[in-house]
C-alpha cells in the first residue's frame, strides 16, 4: 500500500507526533506556569497516542507482501541525490512496535524517580522517540543517518543531566564511541551518493552494489552498528552508560537503542550488501561467540545489579548477531525473537533495579536479601523476567535462543556448542542474582521495611510480562508479520 504525502502520511505523523508533544511542553512551560505533573501527563498522553498510531500502522500492514509499504516520498536534497523516503516492511514494523510499546512504559516509570527539570526530561524522551521511530522507517541513507545520529543528543542529555555521580564521564564515553563509529558511516553514505547517484535504499537493494565497493561500505557501516549493538570489543561504553543513566534512560537504552545496531545489520549489512555480509559472516560469528561467553563471565563477577544486567545485554545481543550471520532461516528467525524478547525483558529488569534503588538508594547486591517475604509482587515480576532471560520454555527467551542455536548448529556444530555455553552461564548469573536478592534470611532492617510495588509500578511491569508469555507461547503471531520479508532477504543471501 503506497500513499502520497498529500493523503495520510501515517509514518510521518507517527514519527513527528512525539516531537510535536515535546514542542507543546516546551512552549507551554515557557509561557505559562505549567506544573510538572501536567508535563508528565502530556508526555504520557503523547506517547500513548503514538502507540495507537503504531497500532494503526500494524493493522493496515499486509504481512503477505514482502515489499516496503506505506511508502512516502518527497523531494528533499536534490543536489545531493537524497530524498525524503519513508516506508516499512515486516522487519521494521516490529522495531517500530517495540519503540511505541516501551516509550510510554518508560515515561510512566519515570514519574517516581525523576525529581528535577521534569519538563526538560519529558521533552528529551519525546524527541528521542521521534528519532528512534525515524531511524526504523527511513528508506533514504541520508535521512537514516540524520535520525540514527539524532538519537545521540537526547540520550546525551538524559544521562548527563539526570544520571549518577560519574554521569559526565559516562556521557562523553557514550557520545564519543557512537560518534566516531558513525563518522565512518557518514563517509560511506557520501561515497554511495556520489558513486551511485542515489541514496534510495530500495533502489540500492534492487540494483545491488558491486562487491569491490560493497566490502568497504560494509566495513564503514559495521563500525557504527557494532558500537550501537554493542558487539565485542566495542561494548565498553555500555556498562558506564547504564550504571550512570537514570532508570528510564537504561530502559530506553537497553529496550530500544541497542536494537538500532541490530536493525542496521539487517537492513544494510544483509539486505543491501548481501555478498559482503556473506564474506564477513565468519568474523561476525567469532565476535558473537566471544561476546556471549566473555560478557557472561564478566556479568557473574559483578556486585552492582545494574552492571550485571548491562553485561547480560552484551551477551544477549551476541545471540542476535550470531543468528543473523548464521545465514539460514532458523538463525534469522532466532535473531528477531531475541530482539523482541530482549527489548521487553531488559526493559523490565532495569525497571526492577530501579524499584530497589528508589527504596534503598543502592544497587549493591549484597545489601539486599529475603525480599520475597515483604515484596511478593516485586519478587513475582522479577522472577518472570529472570526466567525469560535464562530462556525458560514458555517464555520469550526460549524461542529466540533456541532458534539462534539451531541456526548456529546448521552453520557449524562447534558454533552451537560454544554459544550453548553462554546459555548455561546466563542461567548461572541470573539465577544467582535472584537468589541473593529475594531468598535467604532477611537480617537487614531497612530491607525488611521496603514497601511492595505501587499500582503505577505494577502497571509498568504487567504489559511486559504479558508480552513475555505471548511471544513464548504463540510465537507465530509475531513471526507471521515478518516472515515474507525475511524470506526475500534469505533468498538474496543464499544466491
Protein backbone atom coordinates (compact mmCIF):
# COMPACT_ATOMS: atom_id res chain seq x y z
CA UNK A 1 0.00 0.00 0.00
CA UNK A 2 1.60 3.25 -1.13
CA UNK A 3 0.39 6.66 -0.09
CA UNK A 4 1.42 10.15 -1.15
CA UNK A 5 2.30 12.81 1.40
CA UNK A 6 -0.83 14.65 0.27
CA UNK A 7 -3.02 11.80 1.55
CA UNK A 8 -2.39 10.33 5.00
CA UNK A 9 1.35 10.11 5.64
CA UNK A 10 0.83 7.76 8.57
CA UNK A 11 4.52 7.09 9.13
CA UNK A 12 5.40 10.79 9.20
CA UNK A 13 2.53 11.57 11.55
CA UNK A 14 3.60 8.76 13.87
CA UNK A 15 7.24 9.84 13.74
CA UNK A 16 6.80 13.54 14.39
CA UNK A 17 3.87 13.42 16.78
CA UNK A 18 6.19 12.94 19.81
CA UNK A 19 8.25 15.91 18.58
CA UNK A 20 5.06 17.97 18.43
CA UNK A 21 4.33 16.91 22.01
CA UNK A 22 7.82 17.97 23.07
CA UNK A 23 7.30 21.40 21.47
CA UNK A 24 3.97 21.76 23.26
CA UNK A 25 5.58 21.07 26.64
CA UNK A 26 8.40 23.50 25.83
CA UNK A 27 6.20 26.44 24.82
CA UNK A 28 3.53 25.87 27.46
CA UNK A 29 6.18 25.60 30.18
CA UNK A 30 7.98 28.68 28.85
CA UNK A 31 4.99 30.99 28.65
CA UNK A 32 2.76 29.62 31.41
CA UNK A 33 3.20 28.25 34.89
CA UNK A 34 2.85 24.67 33.75
CA UNK A 35 3.05 22.32 36.70
CA UNK A 36 5.42 19.38 36.48
CA UNK A 37 2.51 16.94 36.82
CA UNK A 38 0.96 18.47 33.70
CA UNK A 39 4.12 17.89 31.64
CA UNK A 40 4.11 14.26 32.82
CA UNK A 41 0.51 13.83 31.70
CA UNK A 42 1.19 15.47 28.33
CA UNK A 43 4.26 13.27 27.70
CA UNK A 44 2.44 10.08 28.69
CA UNK A 45 -0.60 11.00 26.57
CA UNK A 46 1.53 11.85 23.53
CA UNK A 47 3.48 8.58 23.81
CA UNK A 48 0.25 6.61 24.19
CA UNK A 49 -1.28 8.27 21.11
CA UNK A 50 1.94 7.41 19.26
CA UNK A 51 1.40 3.81 20.32
CA UNK A 52 -2.14 3.96 18.89
CA UNK A 53 -0.72 5.33 15.62
CA UNK A 54 1.76 2.43 15.59
CA UNK A 55 -1.17 0.06 16.06
CA UNK A 56 -2.87 1.67 13.07
CA UNK A 57 0.28 1.01 11.02
CA UNK A 58 0.33 -2.56 12.32
CA UNK A 59 -3.27 -3.26 11.27
CA UNK A 60 -3.01 -1.75 7.78
CA UNK A 61 0.26 -3.60 7.13
CA UNK A 62 -0.08 -6.53 4.70
CA UNK A 63 2.12 -9.31 6.08
CA UNK A 64 1.87 -11.32 2.85
CA UNK A 65 3.64 -8.58 0.90
CA UNK A 66 7.45 -8.63 1.31
CA UNK A 67 7.90 -5.20 -0.26
CA UNK A 68 8.12 -1.87 1.55
CA UNK A 69 4.67 -0.50 2.35
CA UNK A 70 3.12 2.86 3.31
CA UNK A 71 5.88 4.47 1.28
CA UNK A 72 6.09 8.26 1.46
CA UNK A 73 8.33 10.14 -0.94
CA UNK A 74 9.10 13.84 -1.33
CA UNK A 75 11.90 15.98 -2.71
CA UNK A 76 14.42 16.89 -0.03
CA UNK A 77 18.07 17.43 -1.09
CA UNK A 78 18.02 17.15 -4.91
CA UNK A 79 21.57 18.47 -5.34
CA UNK A 80 22.78 15.61 -3.12
CA UNK A 81 20.54 12.95 -4.70
CA UNK A 82 18.80 12.50 -1.36
CA UNK A 83 15.03 12.28 -0.92
CA UNK A 84 12.59 12.16 1.97
CA UNK A 85 11.60 8.49 1.72
CA UNK A 86 9.75 6.62 4.43
CA UNK A 87 8.38 3.08 4.48
CA UNK A 88 8.17 -0.14 6.45
CA UNK A 89 8.43 -3.85 5.82
CA UNK A 90 7.89 -6.80 8.14
CA UNK A 91 11.24 -6.21 9.84
CA UNK A 92 10.94 -2.51 10.62
CA UNK A 93 7.31 -2.99 11.68
CA UNK A 94 8.40 -4.77 14.85
CA UNK A 95 11.13 -2.29 15.65
CA UNK A 96 8.52 0.47 15.45
CA UNK A 97 6.16 -1.51 17.69
CA UNK A 98 8.92 -2.09 20.26
CA UNK A 99 9.58 1.65 20.39
CA UNK A 100 5.89 2.52 20.66
CA UNK A 101 5.30 0.00 23.46
CA UNK A 102 8.36 0.70 25.62
CA UNK A 103 8.37 4.52 25.47
CA UNK A 104 5.07 5.15 27.35
CA UNK A 105 6.06 2.50 29.91
CA UNK A 106 9.42 4.24 30.41
CA UNK A 107 7.70 7.61 30.83
CA UNK A 108 5.25 6.20 33.39
CA UNK A 109 8.15 4.56 35.20
CA UNK A 110 9.96 7.91 35.44
CA UNK A 111 7.18 9.52 37.48
CA UNK A 112 8.59 8.23 40.76
CA UNK A 113 12.31 8.70 40.12
CA UNK A 114 12.84 11.94 38.17
CA UNK A 115 12.69 14.82 40.65
CA UNK A 116 14.38 17.74 38.84
CA UNK A 117 13.94 19.51 35.49
CA UNK A 118 10.90 17.37 34.76
CA UNK A 119 9.70 19.48 31.80
CA UNK A 120 13.08 19.11 30.14
CA UNK A 121 13.25 15.39 30.84
CA UNK A 122 9.89 14.72 29.19
CA UNK A 123 10.93 16.82 26.19
CA UNK A 124 14.15 14.80 25.82
CA UNK A 125 12.31 11.47 25.96
CA UNK A 126 9.74 12.53 23.35
CA UNK A 127 12.45 13.83 20.99
CA UNK A 128 14.27 10.53 21.48
CA UNK A 129 11.12 8.64 20.46
CA UNK A 130 10.86 10.67 17.25
CA UNK A 131 14.48 9.89 16.38
CA UNK A 132 14.11 6.17 17.08
CA UNK A 133 10.94 5.74 15.02
CA UNK A 134 12.51 7.85 12.28
CA UNK A 135 15.51 5.53 12.16
CA UNK A 136 13.35 2.44 11.73
CA UNK A 137 11.20 3.93 8.95
CA UNK A 138 13.76 5.82 6.83
CA UNK A 139 14.45 4.44 3.36
CA UNK A 140 17.00 7.06 2.31
CA UNK A 141 20.53 6.69 3.64
CA UNK A 142 20.96 10.40 4.38
CA UNK A 143 17.64 10.52 6.22
CA UNK A 144 18.58 7.32 8.05
CA UNK A 145 21.85 8.89 9.13
CA UNK A 146 20.13 12.03 10.42
CA UNK A 147 17.74 10.07 12.63
CA UNK A 148 20.36 7.49 13.62
CA UNK A 149 22.70 10.21 14.87
CA UNK A 150 19.90 12.39 16.21
CA UNK A 151 19.36 9.83 18.95
CA UNK A 152 22.69 10.84 20.49
CA UNK A 153 21.56 14.32 21.56
CA UNK A 154 18.57 13.49 23.81
CA UNK A 155 20.30 10.42 25.26
CA UNK A 156 23.43 12.51 25.93
CA UNK A 157 21.25 14.91 27.93
CA UNK A 158 19.30 12.19 29.73
CA UNK A 159 22.50 10.58 31.04
CA UNK A 160 24.43 13.83 31.54
CA UNK A 161 21.74 15.75 33.45
CA UNK A 162 19.72 13.09 35.26
CA UNK A 163 22.43 10.44 35.70
CA UNK A 164 24.57 9.38 38.64
CA UNK A 165 27.78 10.74 40.14
CA UNK A 166 30.01 9.75 37.20
CA UNK A 167 27.46 10.77 34.59
CA UNK A 168 29.76 13.21 32.76
CA UNK A 169 32.42 10.55 32.13
CA UNK A 170 29.76 8.03 31.06
CA UNK A 171 28.08 10.57 28.80
CA UNK A 172 31.23 11.55 26.94
CA UNK A 173 32.30 7.93 26.55
CA UNK A 174 28.89 7.04 25.12
CA UNK A 175 28.92 10.06 22.81
CA UNK A 176 32.48 9.64 21.53
CA UNK A 177 32.19 5.88 20.90
CA UNK A 178 28.98 6.23 18.92
CA UNK A 179 30.05 9.40 17.11
CA UNK A 180 33.41 8.04 15.94
CA UNK A 181 31.77 4.91 14.60
CA UNK A 182 29.12 6.94 12.82
CA UNK A 183 31.64 9.21 11.11
CA UNK A 184 32.74 6.23 9.05
CA UNK A 185 29.11 5.57 8.21
CA UNK A 186 28.78 9.16 7.02
CA UNK A 187 31.79 8.69 4.73
CA UNK A 188 30.13 5.59 3.29
CA UNK A 189 26.85 7.45 2.71
CA UNK A 190 28.69 10.27 0.92
CA UNK A 191 30.54 7.74 -1.25
CA UNK A 192 27.28 5.99 -2.18
CA UNK A 193 25.62 9.30 -3.08
CA UNK A 194 28.47 10.20 -5.43
CA UNK A 195 29.24 6.76 -6.87
CA UNK A 196 25.68 5.51 -7.40
CA UNK A 197 23.88 8.83 -7.86
CA UNK A 198 21.28 7.86 -5.27
CA UNK A 199 20.84 7.22 -1.55
CA UNK A 200 17.50 5.45 -2.01
CA UNK A 201 17.76 2.16 -0.07
CA UNK A 202 15.05 0.47 -2.14
CA UNK A 203 16.91 1.26 -5.35
CA UNK A 204 20.26 0.14 -3.91
CA UNK A 205 18.73 -3.12 -2.65
CA UNK A 206 17.15 -3.77 -6.05
CA UNK A 207 20.16 -2.96 -8.24
CA UNK A 208 22.84 -4.29 -5.87
CA UNK A 209 26.26 -2.91 -5.03
CA UNK A 210 29.43 -4.26 -6.73
CA UNK A 211 31.41 -6.42 -4.33
CA UNK A 212 34.60 -4.33 -4.55
CA UNK A 213 32.75 -1.26 -3.26
CA UNK A 214 30.42 -3.28 -1.02
CA UNK A 215 33.31 -4.59 1.11
CA UNK A 216 34.46 -1.11 2.13
CA UNK A 217 30.93 0.20 2.52
CA UNK A 218 30.08 -2.81 4.72
CA UNK A 219 33.08 -2.18 6.98
CA UNK A 220 32.19 1.51 7.33
CA UNK A 221 28.65 0.71 8.40
CA UNK A 222 29.93 -2.08 10.65
CA UNK A 223 31.93 0.44 12.68
CA UNK A 224 28.73 2.23 13.63
CA UNK A 225 26.40 -0.75 14.06
CA UNK A 226 28.92 -2.72 16.14
CA UNK A 227 29.14 0.13 18.65
CA UNK A 228 25.37 0.54 18.86
CA UNK A 229 24.64 -3.20 19.20
CA UNK A 230 27.10 -3.37 21.19
CA UNK A 231 29.49 -6.04 19.94
CA UNK A 232 32.77 -7.16 21.49
CA UNK A 233 35.18 -5.29 21.65
CA UNK A 234 33.12 -2.12 21.02
CA UNK A 235 30.97 -2.59 24.11
CA UNK A 236 32.95 -0.89 26.88
CA UNK A 237 30.81 2.28 26.85
CA UNK A 238 27.66 0.32 27.71
CA UNK A 239 28.25 -0.54 31.36
CA UNK A 240 29.17 3.08 32.21
CA UNK A 241 26.15 4.45 30.36
CA UNK A 242 23.76 2.02 32.03
CA UNK A 243 25.12 2.43 35.55
CA UNK A 244 25.06 6.23 35.42
CA UNK A 245 21.83 6.66 33.45
CA UNK A 246 18.54 7.15 35.31
CA UNK A 247 16.28 4.12 35.25
CA UNK A 248 14.23 5.48 32.36
CA UNK A 249 17.41 6.09 30.37
CA UNK A 250 18.54 2.50 30.94
CA UNK A 251 15.10 1.19 29.91
CA UNK A 252 15.19 3.11 26.64
CA UNK A 253 18.86 2.31 26.02
CA UNK A 254 18.51 -1.45 26.54
CA UNK A 255 14.99 -1.81 25.21
CA UNK A 256 15.30 0.23 22.01
CA UNK A 257 18.62 1.96 21.33
CA UNK A 258 20.70 -1.24 21.31
CA UNK A 259 18.30 -2.59 18.68
CA UNK A 260 19.23 0.19 16.28
CA UNK A 261 22.53 -1.54 15.59
CA UNK A 262 20.79 -4.86 15.00
CA UNK A 263 18.32 -3.15 12.68
CA UNK A 264 21.22 -1.64 10.73
CA UNK A 265 22.84 -5.05 10.36
CA UNK A 266 19.60 -6.47 8.94
CA UNK A 267 18.65 -3.58 6.67
CA UNK A 268 22.08 -2.60 5.32
CA UNK A 269 24.70 -5.26 6.12
CA UNK A 270 22.50 -8.17 4.99
CA UNK A 271 19.69 -6.79 2.81
CA UNK A 272 21.55 -4.05 0.94
CA UNK A 273 25.02 -5.64 0.93
CA UNK A 274 24.34 -9.42 0.95
CA UNK A 275 27.57 -10.51 -0.76
CA UNK A 276 29.73 -8.55 1.66
CA UNK A 277 27.58 -9.86 4.51
CA UNK A 278 28.34 -13.43 3.47
CA UNK A 279 32.04 -12.60 3.22
CA UNK A 280 32.24 -11.21 6.75
CA UNK A 281 29.91 -13.77 8.34
CA UNK A 282 32.75 -15.87 9.87
CA UNK A 283 34.19 -12.78 11.57
CA UNK A 284 30.78 -11.81 12.93
CA UNK A 285 30.18 -15.31 14.28
CA UNK A 286 33.53 -15.37 16.08
CA UNK A 287 32.91 -11.93 17.63
CA UNK A 288 29.40 -13.02 18.64
CA UNK A 289 30.65 -16.12 20.45
CA UNK A 290 33.35 -14.13 22.24
CA UNK A 291 30.73 -11.59 23.32
CA UNK A 292 28.38 -14.27 24.63
CA UNK A 293 30.99 -16.08 26.72
CA UNK A 294 33.08 -13.08 27.80
CA UNK A 295 30.11 -10.94 28.84
CA UNK A 296 28.62 -13.86 30.77
CA UNK A 297 31.76 -14.31 32.87
CA UNK A 298 32.02 -10.55 33.47
CA UNK A 299 28.34 -10.39 34.46
CA UNK A 300 28.81 -13.15 37.02
CA UNK A 301 31.64 -11.18 38.67
CA UNK A 302 29.57 -8.02 39.20
CA UNK A 303 28.47 -6.77 42.61
CA UNK A 304 26.27 -3.99 41.17
CA UNK A 305 22.98 -5.44 39.88
CA UNK A 306 22.63 -2.78 37.17
CA UNK A 307 26.08 -3.50 35.80
CA UNK A 308 25.30 -7.24 35.85
CA UNK A 309 22.20 -6.73 33.72
CA UNK A 310 24.14 -4.38 31.43
CA UNK A 311 26.70 -7.10 30.66
CA UNK A 312 23.91 -9.63 30.19
CA UNK A 313 22.68 -7.34 27.39
CA UNK A 314 26.03 -7.71 25.63
CA UNK A 315 25.66 -11.50 25.84
CA UNK A 316 22.08 -11.50 24.58
CA UNK A 317 22.87 -9.18 21.69
CA UNK A 318 25.62 -11.67 20.83
CA UNK A 319 22.85 -14.18 20.13
CA UNK A 320 21.26 -11.62 17.79
CA UNK A 321 24.36 -11.21 15.61
CA UNK A 322 25.06 -14.95 15.83
CA UNK A 323 21.61 -15.72 14.46
CA UNK A 324 21.78 -13.07 11.76
CA UNK A 325 25.13 -14.19 10.39
CA UNK A 326 24.38 -17.91 10.57
CA UNK A 327 22.75 -17.12 7.23
CA UNK A 328 19.84 -19.55 7.48
CA UNK A 329 16.12 -19.35 8.20
CA UNK A 330 16.32 -20.57 11.80
CA UNK A 331 19.13 -18.17 12.64
CA UNK A 332 17.35 -15.12 11.20
CA UNK A 333 14.12 -16.11 12.96
CA UNK A 334 16.03 -16.59 16.21
CA UNK A 335 17.68 -13.19 15.91
CA UNK A 336 14.31 -11.48 15.51
CA UNK A 337 12.86 -13.29 18.52
CA UNK A 338 15.90 -12.47 20.67
CA UNK A 339 15.47 -8.82 19.65
CA UNK A 340 11.80 -8.89 20.67
CA UNK A 341 12.45 -10.77 23.90
CA UNK A 342 15.47 -8.76 24.99
CA UNK A 343 13.66 -5.49 24.33
CA UNK A 344 10.91 -6.31 26.80
CA UNK A 345 12.91 -8.38 29.30
CA UNK A 346 15.85 -5.99 29.61
CA UNK A 347 13.49 -3.02 29.96
CA UNK A 348 11.69 -4.83 32.78
CA UNK A 349 14.89 -5.91 34.54
CA UNK A 350 16.26 -2.37 34.54
CA UNK A 351 12.94 -1.14 35.92
CA UNK A 352 13.28 -3.83 38.57
CA UNK A 353 16.69 -2.47 39.53
CA UNK A 354 15.13 0.98 39.70
CA UNK A 355 12.48 -0.24 42.15
CA UNK A 356 15.15 -1.41 44.60
CA UNK A 357 17.30 1.68 44.07
CA UNK A 358 14.42 4.11 44.66
CA UNK A 359 13.74 2.49 48.02
CA UNK A 360 17.26 1.89 49.36
CA UNK A 361 19.42 4.16 47.12
CA UNK A 362 21.97 1.45 46.41
CA UNK A 363 22.43 -1.19 43.71
CA UNK A 364 24.91 -3.36 45.62
CA UNK A 365 23.59 -6.92 45.52
CA UNK A 366 24.99 -7.70 48.99
CA UNK A 367 22.79 -5.00 50.58
CA UNK A 368 19.63 -6.92 49.77
CA UNK A 369 18.24 -10.35 50.55
CA UNK A 370 14.99 -12.03 51.54
CA UNK A 371 12.83 -9.50 49.69
CA UNK A 372 10.33 -12.18 48.66
CA UNK A 373 8.83 -12.05 52.15
CA UNK A 374 7.93 -8.35 52.18
CA UNK A 375 7.77 -7.65 48.43
CA UNK A 376 5.93 -10.65 46.89
CA UNK A 377 4.63 -8.81 43.81
CA UNK A 378 8.08 -7.46 43.08
CA UNK A 379 9.55 -10.95 43.54
CA UNK A 380 6.96 -12.43 41.17
CA UNK A 381 7.59 -9.98 38.34
CA UNK A 382 11.36 -10.15 38.78
CA UNK A 383 11.17 -13.96 38.62
CA UNK A 384 9.16 -13.86 35.37
CA UNK A 385 11.75 -11.68 33.66
CA UNK A 386 14.69 -13.59 35.17
CA UNK A 387 13.33 -16.88 33.83
CA UNK A 388 12.72 -15.26 30.43
CA UNK A 389 16.32 -14.02 30.45
CA UNK A 390 17.64 -17.55 31.02
CA UNK A 391 15.41 -18.98 28.28
CA UNK A 392 12.81 -20.98 30.22
CA UNK A 393 10.46 -22.82 27.79
CA UNK A 394 7.18 -20.97 27.52
CA UNK A 395 8.84 -17.57 27.76
CA UNK A 396 10.09 -15.27 25.02
CA UNK A 397 13.74 -16.02 25.82
CA UNK A 398 13.42 -19.69 24.93
CA UNK A 399 12.00 -19.04 21.46
CA UNK A 400 14.82 -16.74 20.40
CA UNK A 401 17.76 -18.58 21.93
CA UNK A 402 16.57 -22.00 20.74
CA UNK A 403 16.19 -20.82 17.14
CA UNK A 404 19.50 -18.94 17.23
CA UNK A 405 21.26 -22.07 18.48
CA UNK A 406 19.51 -24.17 15.85
CA UNK A 407 20.66 -21.75 13.16
CA UNK A 408 24.21 -21.85 14.57
CA UNK A 409 24.09 -25.67 14.62
CA UNK A 410 23.09 -25.76 10.95
CA UNK A 411 26.03 -23.49 10.16
CA UNK A 412 28.56 -25.44 12.27
CA UNK A 413 28.10 -27.71 15.27
CA UNK A 414 31.01 -26.15 17.19
CA UNK A 415 29.47 -22.71 16.89
CA UNK A 416 26.37 -24.07 18.62
CA UNK A 417 28.47 -25.75 21.33
CA UNK A 418 30.27 -22.55 22.29
CA UNK A 419 27.09 -20.46 22.08
CA UNK A 420 25.29 -23.03 24.25
CA UNK A 421 27.88 -22.43 26.94
CA UNK A 422 26.65 -18.85 27.08
CA UNK A 423 23.12 -20.03 27.86
CA UNK A 424 24.41 -22.12 30.76
CA UNK A 425 26.46 -19.21 32.10
CA UNK A 426 23.46 -16.91 31.71
CA UNK A 427 21.37 -19.19 33.89
CA UNK A 428 24.14 -19.21 36.50
CA UNK A 429 24.49 -15.45 36.93
CA UNK A 430 20.80 -14.57 36.59
CA UNK A 431 19.54 -17.25 38.99
CA UNK A 432 22.34 -16.38 41.39
CA UNK A 433 21.25 -12.75 41.29
CA UNK A 434 17.64 -13.72 42.02
CA UNK A 435 18.63 -15.96 44.93
CA UNK A 436 20.75 -13.27 46.53
CA UNK A 437 18.06 -10.61 46.17
CA UNK A 438 14.92 -12.49 47.19
CA UNK A 439 15.82 -15.57 49.20
CA UNK A 440 17.81 -16.20 52.35
CA UNK A 441 17.49 -14.68 55.79
CA UNK A 442 16.22 -11.13 55.91
CA UNK A 443 18.57 -9.67 58.52
CA UNK A 444 18.62 -6.04 57.33
CA UNK A 445 16.01 -3.81 58.93
CA UNK A 446 15.90 -1.26 56.12
CA UNK A 447 15.33 -4.02 53.53
CA UNK A 448 12.50 -5.52 55.59
CA UNK A 449 10.72 -2.15 55.61
CA UNK A 450 10.80 -1.71 51.83
CA UNK A 451 7.21 -1.46 50.50
CA UNK A 452 5.98 -3.67 47.69
CA UNK A 453 5.16 -2.38 44.21
CA UNK A 454 2.81 0.55 43.86
CA UNK A 455 -0.07 0.47 41.38
CA UNK A 456 1.97 2.60 38.96
CA UNK A 457 4.96 0.26 39.15
CA UNK A 458 2.75 -2.80 38.63
CA UNK A 459 1.21 -1.13 35.57
CA UNK A 460 4.72 -0.75 34.13
CA UNK A 461 5.61 -4.43 34.64
CA UNK A 462 2.29 -6.08 33.71
CA UNK A 463 2.20 -5.44 29.91
CA UNK A 464 5.82 -6.57 29.56
CA UNK A 465 5.05 -9.79 31.46
CA UNK A 466 2.11 -10.45 29.14
CA UNK A 467 4.34 -9.96 26.09
CA UNK A 468 6.99 -12.32 27.52
CA UNK A 469 4.46 -15.16 27.72
CA UNK A 470 2.71 -14.21 24.47
CA UNK A 471 5.96 -14.44 22.49
CA UNK A 472 6.91 -17.66 24.27
CA UNK A 473 3.56 -19.44 23.83
CA UNK A 474 2.34 -18.03 20.50
CA UNK A 475 5.48 -17.05 18.56
CA UNK A 476 3.77 -17.38 15.18
CA UNK A 477 1.67 -14.28 15.88
CA UNK A 478 4.94 -12.34 15.76
CA UNK A 479 6.83 -14.22 13.05
CA UNK A 480 3.86 -14.07 10.65
CA UNK A 481 4.37 -10.32 10.33
CA UNK A 482 7.96 -10.51 9.09
CA UNK A 483 8.23 -13.97 7.51
CA UNK A 484 7.57 -12.79 3.94
CA UNK A 485 10.21 -10.06 4.21
CA UNK A 486 12.70 -12.38 5.89
CA UNK A 487 12.23 -14.93 3.12
CA UNK A 488 13.26 -12.42 0.45
CA UNK A 489 16.34 -11.41 2.48
CA UNK A 490 17.32 -15.05 2.90
CA UNK A 491 16.88 -15.75 -0.82
CA UNK A 492 19.35 -12.96 -1.65
CA UNK A 493 21.85 -14.29 0.90
CA UNK A 494 21.93 -17.85 -0.45
CA UNK A 495 22.03 -16.97 -4.16
